[in-house]
N, C-alpha and C. Protein backbone atom coordinates (compact mmCIF):
# COMPACT_ATOMS: atom_id res chain seq x y z
N UNK A 1 -124.29 89.94 125.46
CA UNK A 1 -122.95 90.27 125.88
C UNK A 1 -122.21 89.01 126.34
N UNK A 2 -122.91 88.12 127.03
CA UNK A 2 -122.28 86.88 127.50
C UNK A 2 -121.89 86.01 126.30
N UNK A 3 -122.76 85.95 125.28
CA UNK A 3 -122.44 85.15 124.10
C UNK A 3 -121.25 85.74 123.36
N UNK A 4 -121.18 87.05 123.30
CA UNK A 4 -120.06 87.72 122.64
C UNK A 4 -118.74 87.40 123.35
N UNK A 5 -118.76 87.39 124.67
CA UNK A 5 -117.54 87.11 125.44
C UNK A 5 -117.05 85.68 125.25
N UNK A 6 -117.95 84.76 124.93
CA UNK A 6 -117.58 83.36 124.75
C UNK A 6 -117.20 83.02 123.31
N UNK A 7 -117.53 83.89 122.36
CA UNK A 7 -117.32 83.58 120.95
C UNK A 7 -116.07 84.31 120.44
N UNK A 8 -115.07 83.56 120.03
CA UNK A 8 -113.81 84.14 119.56
C UNK A 8 -114.00 84.90 118.25
N UNK A 9 -114.82 84.37 117.35
CA UNK A 9 -115.04 85.04 116.06
C UNK A 9 -115.69 86.41 116.26
N UNK A 10 -116.64 86.50 117.16
CA UNK A 10 -117.31 87.77 117.44
C UNK A 10 -116.32 88.77 118.04
N UNK A 11 -115.43 88.30 118.89
CA UNK A 11 -114.44 89.19 119.48
C UNK A 11 -113.45 89.69 118.43
N UNK A 12 -113.10 88.83 117.46
CA UNK A 12 -112.21 89.27 116.38
C UNK A 12 -112.88 90.34 115.52
N UNK A 13 -114.15 90.16 115.22
CA UNK A 13 -114.86 91.12 114.37
C UNK A 13 -115.06 92.46 115.07
N UNK A 14 -115.12 92.45 116.38
CA UNK A 14 -115.32 93.69 117.13
C UNK A 14 -114.14 94.64 116.97
N UNK A 15 -112.96 94.11 116.64
CA UNK A 15 -111.77 94.95 116.52
C UNK A 15 -111.72 95.74 115.22
N UNK A 16 -112.58 95.44 114.27
CA UNK A 16 -112.64 96.18 113.01
C UNK A 16 -113.21 97.58 113.29
N UNK A 17 -112.58 98.64 112.78
CA UNK A 17 -113.15 99.97 112.97
C UNK A 17 -114.54 100.07 112.36
N UNK A 18 -115.50 100.52 113.15
CA UNK A 18 -116.87 100.64 112.68
C UNK A 18 -117.74 99.44 112.99
N UNK A 19 -117.17 98.41 113.56
CA UNK A 19 -117.95 97.22 113.93
C UNK A 19 -117.85 97.05 115.44
N UNK A 20 -118.96 97.22 116.12
CA UNK A 20 -118.98 97.06 117.56
C UNK A 20 -119.49 95.70 117.96
N UNK A 21 -119.91 95.59 119.19
CA UNK A 21 -120.38 94.31 119.72
C UNK A 21 -121.64 93.84 119.00
N UNK A 22 -122.57 94.75 118.77
CA UNK A 22 -123.84 94.37 118.14
C UNK A 22 -123.60 93.91 116.70
N UNK A 23 -122.80 94.65 115.96
CA UNK A 23 -122.51 94.27 114.57
C UNK A 23 -121.77 92.94 114.52
N UNK A 24 -120.79 92.77 115.39
CA UNK A 24 -119.99 91.53 115.40
C UNK A 24 -120.86 90.32 115.72
N UNK A 25 -121.70 90.43 116.74
CA UNK A 25 -122.54 89.28 117.09
C UNK A 25 -123.58 89.00 116.01
N UNK A 26 -124.11 90.05 115.39
CA UNK A 26 -125.10 89.85 114.32
C UNK A 26 -124.46 89.17 113.11
N UNK A 27 -123.24 89.57 112.76
CA UNK A 27 -122.55 88.94 111.62
C UNK A 27 -122.24 87.48 111.90
N UNK A 28 -121.73 87.19 113.07
CA UNK A 28 -121.38 85.80 113.40
C UNK A 28 -122.63 84.94 113.47
N UNK A 29 -123.72 85.48 114.01
CA UNK A 29 -124.96 84.71 114.13
C UNK A 29 -125.61 84.46 112.78
N UNK A 30 -125.51 85.40 111.85
CA UNK A 30 -126.19 85.25 110.56
C UNK A 30 -125.35 84.54 109.51
N UNK A 31 -124.04 84.44 109.72
CA UNK A 31 -123.16 83.77 108.76
C UNK A 31 -122.46 82.61 109.48
N UNK A 32 -123.13 81.46 109.58
CA UNK A 32 -122.51 80.36 110.32
C UNK A 32 -121.29 79.77 109.63
N UNK A 33 -121.26 79.79 108.28
CA UNK A 33 -120.14 79.22 107.55
C UNK A 33 -119.68 80.21 106.48
N UNK A 34 -118.55 80.91 106.70
CA UNK A 34 -118.08 81.87 105.70
C UNK A 34 -117.55 81.21 104.43
N UNK A 35 -117.31 79.90 104.45
CA UNK A 35 -116.81 79.20 103.27
C UNK A 35 -117.86 79.10 102.17
N UNK A 36 -119.10 79.46 102.49
CA UNK A 36 -120.16 79.46 101.48
C UNK A 36 -119.86 80.50 100.40
N UNK A 37 -119.18 81.57 100.78
CA UNK A 37 -118.85 82.65 99.86
C UNK A 37 -117.43 82.46 99.35
N UNK A 38 -117.22 82.66 98.05
CA UNK A 38 -115.89 82.51 97.45
C UNK A 38 -114.95 83.64 97.82
N UNK A 39 -115.49 84.84 97.98
CA UNK A 39 -114.65 86.01 98.23
C UNK A 39 -115.39 87.02 99.08
N UNK A 40 -114.65 88.02 99.50
CA UNK A 40 -115.25 89.10 100.27
C UNK A 40 -116.23 89.90 99.43
N UNK A 41 -115.98 90.01 98.13
CA UNK A 41 -116.91 90.74 97.27
C UNK A 41 -118.25 90.02 97.19
N UNK A 42 -118.19 88.70 97.11
CA UNK A 42 -119.43 87.93 97.06
C UNK A 42 -120.21 88.10 98.37
N UNK A 43 -119.49 88.15 99.49
CA UNK A 43 -120.14 88.37 100.78
C UNK A 43 -120.76 89.77 100.84
N UNK A 44 -120.05 90.78 100.35
CA UNK A 44 -120.58 92.15 100.34
C UNK A 44 -121.80 92.24 99.41
N UNK A 45 -121.77 91.51 98.31
CA UNK A 45 -122.92 91.48 97.41
C UNK A 45 -124.11 90.81 98.08
N UNK A 46 -123.86 89.79 98.86
CA UNK A 46 -124.91 89.11 99.62
C UNK A 46 -125.56 90.07 100.62
N UNK A 47 -124.77 90.99 101.17
CA UNK A 47 -125.29 91.98 102.11
C UNK A 47 -125.98 93.14 101.38
N UNK A 48 -125.80 93.26 100.06
CA UNK A 48 -126.42 94.34 99.30
C UNK A 48 -125.61 95.62 99.31
N UNK A 49 -124.29 95.51 99.43
CA UNK A 49 -123.42 96.68 99.53
C UNK A 49 -122.59 96.93 98.27
N UNK A 50 -122.99 96.38 97.14
CA UNK A 50 -122.27 96.61 95.88
C UNK A 50 -123.24 97.23 94.88
N UNK A 51 -122.72 97.96 93.89
CA UNK A 51 -123.62 98.59 92.91
C UNK A 51 -124.34 97.57 92.03
N UNK A 52 -125.57 97.91 91.69
CA UNK A 52 -126.34 97.08 90.76
C UNK A 52 -125.76 97.27 89.37
N UNK A 53 -125.57 96.19 88.63
CA UNK A 53 -124.97 96.27 87.31
C UNK A 53 -126.03 96.16 86.23
N UNK A 54 -126.00 97.10 85.31
CA UNK A 54 -126.84 97.06 84.11
C UNK A 54 -125.90 97.19 82.92
N UNK A 55 -125.07 96.18 82.70
CA UNK A 55 -124.03 96.25 81.69
C UNK A 55 -124.41 95.41 80.48
N UNK A 56 -124.04 95.93 79.31
CA UNK A 56 -124.22 95.15 78.09
C UNK A 56 -123.31 95.72 77.01
N UNK A 57 -122.91 94.90 76.09
CA UNK A 57 -122.10 95.35 74.98
C UNK A 57 -120.74 95.87 75.38
N UNK A 58 -120.21 95.38 76.47
CA UNK A 58 -118.89 95.81 76.90
C UNK A 58 -118.87 97.13 77.64
N UNK A 59 -120.05 97.73 77.83
CA UNK A 59 -120.13 99.00 78.54
C UNK A 59 -120.66 98.75 79.95
N UNK A 60 -119.84 99.12 80.94
CA UNK A 60 -120.22 98.91 82.33
C UNK A 60 -121.09 100.07 82.81
N UNK A 61 -122.25 99.73 83.34
CA UNK A 61 -123.14 100.73 83.91
C UNK A 61 -123.46 100.29 85.34
N UNK A 62 -122.91 101.02 86.28
CA UNK A 62 -123.14 100.70 87.68
C UNK A 62 -124.14 101.69 88.27
N UNK A 63 -125.14 101.16 88.95
CA UNK A 63 -126.18 102.01 89.53
C UNK A 63 -126.02 102.15 91.03
N UNK A 64 -127.15 102.29 91.70
CA UNK A 64 -127.17 102.42 93.15
C UNK A 64 -126.89 101.07 93.79
N UNK A 65 -126.63 101.04 95.11
CA UNK A 65 -126.40 99.75 95.76
C UNK A 65 -127.65 98.91 95.64
N UNK A 66 -127.48 97.61 95.57
CA UNK A 66 -128.58 96.72 95.25
C UNK A 66 -129.59 96.57 96.39
N UNK A 67 -129.18 96.74 97.64
CA UNK A 67 -130.04 96.60 98.82
C UNK A 67 -130.70 95.23 98.90
N UNK A 68 -130.04 94.22 98.39
CA UNK A 68 -130.51 92.86 98.56
C UNK A 68 -129.92 92.32 99.85
N UNK A 69 -130.46 91.27 100.36
CA UNK A 69 -129.89 90.66 101.55
C UNK A 69 -130.52 91.19 102.83
N UNK A 70 -129.81 90.97 103.93
CA UNK A 70 -130.31 91.29 105.25
C UNK A 70 -130.21 92.79 105.51
N UNK A 71 -131.34 93.45 105.60
CA UNK A 71 -131.38 94.89 105.81
C UNK A 71 -130.83 95.30 107.17
N UNK A 72 -131.03 94.46 108.18
CA UNK A 72 -130.54 94.78 109.52
C UNK A 72 -129.01 94.81 109.55
N UNK A 73 -128.37 93.80 108.94
CA UNK A 73 -126.91 93.78 108.90
C UNK A 73 -126.36 94.93 108.08
N UNK A 74 -127.00 95.20 106.94
CA UNK A 74 -126.55 96.31 106.09
C UNK A 74 -126.65 97.63 106.86
N UNK A 75 -127.74 97.81 107.61
CA UNK A 75 -127.91 99.03 108.39
C UNK A 75 -126.84 99.15 109.46
N UNK A 76 -126.52 98.05 110.14
CA UNK A 76 -125.47 98.07 111.16
C UNK A 76 -124.12 98.43 110.55
N UNK A 77 -123.82 97.87 109.38
CA UNK A 77 -122.54 98.16 108.73
C UNK A 77 -122.47 99.62 108.28
N UNK A 78 -123.57 100.16 107.78
CA UNK A 78 -123.57 101.55 107.32
C UNK A 78 -123.49 102.51 108.51
N UNK A 79 -124.14 102.20 109.61
CA UNK A 79 -124.06 103.06 110.79
C UNK A 79 -122.63 103.05 111.34
N UNK A 80 -122.00 101.88 111.36
CA UNK A 80 -120.60 101.81 111.80
C UNK A 80 -119.68 102.58 110.86
N UNK A 81 -119.96 102.50 109.56
CA UNK A 81 -119.15 103.23 108.59
C UNK A 81 -119.35 104.73 108.73
N UNK A 82 -120.54 105.15 109.12
CA UNK A 82 -120.78 106.57 109.37
C UNK A 82 -119.90 107.05 110.52
N UNK A 83 -119.75 106.23 111.54
CA UNK A 83 -118.88 106.57 112.66
C UNK A 83 -117.43 106.70 112.20
N UNK A 84 -116.98 105.79 111.34
CA UNK A 84 -115.62 105.86 110.82
C UNK A 84 -115.42 107.13 109.99
N UNK A 85 -116.43 107.49 109.22
CA UNK A 85 -116.35 108.71 108.40
C UNK A 85 -116.23 109.95 109.27
N UNK A 86 -116.97 109.99 110.35
CA UNK A 86 -116.92 111.16 111.22
C UNK A 86 -115.61 111.25 111.98
N UNK A 87 -114.97 110.12 112.28
CA UNK A 87 -113.70 110.13 113.01
C UNK A 87 -112.50 110.24 112.10
N UNK A 88 -112.68 110.22 110.78
CA UNK A 88 -111.57 110.20 109.82
C UNK A 88 -110.61 111.38 109.97
N UNK A 89 -111.06 112.60 110.24
CA UNK A 89 -110.10 113.70 110.35
C UNK A 89 -109.09 113.54 111.49
N UNK A 90 -109.43 112.77 112.52
CA UNK A 90 -108.53 112.62 113.66
C UNK A 90 -107.80 111.29 113.70
N UNK A 91 -108.03 110.42 112.72
CA UNK A 91 -107.42 109.08 112.71
C UNK A 91 -106.09 109.12 111.97
N UNK A 92 -105.06 108.54 112.58
CA UNK A 92 -103.72 108.56 112.00
C UNK A 92 -103.32 107.22 111.38
N UNK A 93 -104.26 106.50 110.81
CA UNK A 93 -103.92 105.25 110.13
C UNK A 93 -104.03 105.46 108.63
N UNK A 94 -103.57 104.47 107.90
CA UNK A 94 -103.63 104.56 106.45
C UNK A 94 -105.08 104.55 105.97
N UNK A 95 -105.94 103.81 106.67
CA UNK A 95 -107.35 103.81 106.27
C UNK A 95 -107.99 105.17 106.53
N UNK A 96 -107.55 105.88 107.59
CA UNK A 96 -108.06 107.23 107.83
C UNK A 96 -107.68 108.18 106.71
N UNK A 97 -106.46 108.03 106.20
CA UNK A 97 -106.02 108.86 105.07
C UNK A 97 -106.84 108.52 103.82
N UNK A 98 -107.16 107.24 103.64
CA UNK A 98 -107.97 106.81 102.49
C UNK A 98 -109.35 107.44 102.57
N UNK A 99 -109.95 107.42 103.76
CA UNK A 99 -111.28 108.00 103.93
C UNK A 99 -111.24 109.51 103.68
N UNK A 100 -110.23 110.19 104.20
CA UNK A 100 -110.12 111.63 103.98
C UNK A 100 -109.97 111.96 102.49
N UNK A 101 -109.20 111.15 101.77
CA UNK A 101 -109.03 111.42 100.33
C UNK A 101 -110.34 111.17 99.57
N UNK A 102 -111.12 110.18 99.99
CA UNK A 102 -112.42 109.96 99.36
C UNK A 102 -113.39 111.09 99.65
N UNK A 103 -113.37 111.58 100.89
CA UNK A 103 -114.29 112.64 101.28
C UNK A 103 -114.02 113.95 100.54
N UNK A 104 -112.80 114.14 100.06
CA UNK A 104 -112.47 115.36 99.32
C UNK A 104 -113.18 115.43 97.98
N UNK A 105 -113.44 114.27 97.36
CA UNK A 105 -113.99 114.30 96.00
C UNK A 105 -115.32 113.56 95.84
N UNK A 106 -115.82 112.91 96.89
CA UNK A 106 -117.07 112.15 96.78
C UNK A 106 -118.05 112.59 97.86
N UNK A 107 -119.34 112.38 97.63
CA UNK A 107 -120.33 112.70 98.67
C UNK A 107 -120.16 111.81 99.90
N UNK A 108 -120.55 112.32 101.04
CA UNK A 108 -120.34 111.62 102.31
C UNK A 108 -121.06 110.28 102.35
N UNK A 109 -122.30 110.22 101.88
CA UNK A 109 -123.06 108.96 101.94
C UNK A 109 -122.44 107.90 101.03
N UNK A 110 -121.92 108.32 99.90
CA UNK A 110 -121.26 107.36 99.01
C UNK A 110 -120.01 106.79 99.68
N UNK A 111 -119.25 107.63 100.35
CA UNK A 111 -118.05 107.18 101.07
C UNK A 111 -118.45 106.24 102.21
N UNK A 112 -119.56 106.56 102.87
CA UNK A 112 -120.03 105.71 103.97
C UNK A 112 -120.35 104.31 103.48
N UNK A 113 -121.02 104.19 102.36
CA UNK A 113 -121.36 102.87 101.82
C UNK A 113 -120.10 102.15 101.34
N UNK A 114 -119.13 102.88 100.81
CA UNK A 114 -117.87 102.26 100.40
C UNK A 114 -117.13 101.69 101.61
N UNK A 115 -117.17 102.40 102.72
CA UNK A 115 -116.53 101.90 103.94
C UNK A 115 -117.29 100.69 104.48
N UNK A 116 -118.62 100.72 104.40
CA UNK A 116 -119.42 99.57 104.84
C UNK A 116 -119.09 98.35 103.99
N UNK A 117 -118.90 98.55 102.69
CA UNK A 117 -118.51 97.47 101.79
C UNK A 117 -117.15 96.91 102.21
N UNK A 118 -116.21 97.79 102.49
CA UNK A 118 -114.88 97.37 102.91
C UNK A 118 -114.92 96.64 104.25
N UNK A 119 -115.77 97.10 105.15
CA UNK A 119 -115.92 96.44 106.45
C UNK A 119 -116.48 95.03 106.27
N UNK A 120 -117.46 94.88 105.39
CA UNK A 120 -118.04 93.56 105.13
C UNK A 120 -116.99 92.62 104.55
N UNK A 121 -116.18 93.11 103.63
CA UNK A 121 -115.12 92.28 103.05
C UNK A 121 -114.08 91.88 104.09
N UNK A 122 -113.72 92.84 104.96
CA UNK A 122 -112.77 92.55 106.03
C UNK A 122 -113.35 91.53 107.00
N UNK A 123 -114.62 91.67 107.32
CA UNK A 123 -115.28 90.73 108.23
C UNK A 123 -115.27 89.32 107.64
N UNK A 124 -115.54 89.21 106.33
CA UNK A 124 -115.51 87.89 105.70
C UNK A 124 -114.11 87.29 105.79
N UNK A 125 -113.08 88.10 105.53
CA UNK A 125 -111.70 87.59 105.58
C UNK A 125 -111.35 87.11 106.98
N UNK A 126 -111.75 87.86 108.00
CA UNK A 126 -111.46 87.45 109.37
C UNK A 126 -112.20 86.17 109.74
N UNK A 127 -113.45 86.05 109.28
CA UNK A 127 -114.21 84.84 109.57
C UNK A 127 -113.66 83.64 108.80
N UNK A 128 -113.31 83.84 107.55
CA UNK A 128 -112.86 82.72 106.71
C UNK A 128 -111.47 82.22 107.10
N UNK A 129 -110.58 83.14 107.45
CA UNK A 129 -109.19 82.76 107.74
C UNK A 129 -108.92 82.59 109.23
N UNK A 130 -109.81 83.09 110.08
CA UNK A 130 -109.62 82.97 111.51
C UNK A 130 -108.49 83.82 112.06
N UNK A 131 -108.17 84.91 111.40
CA UNK A 131 -107.08 85.79 111.84
C UNK A 131 -107.62 86.98 112.60
N UNK A 132 -106.72 87.74 113.21
CA UNK A 132 -107.08 88.96 113.92
C UNK A 132 -106.93 90.15 112.98
N UNK A 133 -107.67 91.22 113.27
CA UNK A 133 -107.59 92.44 112.48
C UNK A 133 -106.31 93.18 112.81
N UNK A 134 -105.60 93.60 111.77
CA UNK A 134 -104.35 94.36 111.97
C UNK A 134 -104.52 95.71 111.27
N UNK A 135 -104.54 96.79 112.04
CA UNK A 135 -104.61 98.13 111.46
C UNK A 135 -103.25 98.49 110.91
N UNK A 136 -103.23 99.10 109.72
CA UNK A 136 -101.97 99.49 109.10
C UNK A 136 -101.68 100.92 109.51
N UNK A 137 -100.54 101.17 110.18
CA UNK A 137 -100.23 102.54 110.60
C UNK A 137 -99.92 103.43 109.41
N UNK A 138 -100.07 104.72 109.60
CA UNK A 138 -99.78 105.69 108.54
C UNK A 138 -98.28 105.75 108.30
N UNK A 139 -97.93 106.07 107.08
CA UNK A 139 -96.50 106.15 106.71
C UNK A 139 -96.00 107.56 106.89
């Protein structure tokens, strides 16, 4: 807790929905330099939160998530995303509406992993650019 209070990057990551103190400190501690990754997608792939690709001949075949990378971080991101999924019916932001629309047509666990992927990408952007998280209000 003392390290979290002294680290600005960890405090910025804590403001992301679904990322608490433990997730924020674990991400900052395990990713010392976010410039190693070209994009948020590459960072999410490093965490194992993107579908495994078995594509050939111009036909895209996406499978289950790859589960490569740090299992502890992936678990923290998925648990945080589960919390966001459960709070989605009462959230009045644009991301809450996005989650509700996904839950109408997709299984809950699939939506949870999609939110974890989005959280990882957002975390990379905040670490790489040094900006604060801005929630977009509902229209």
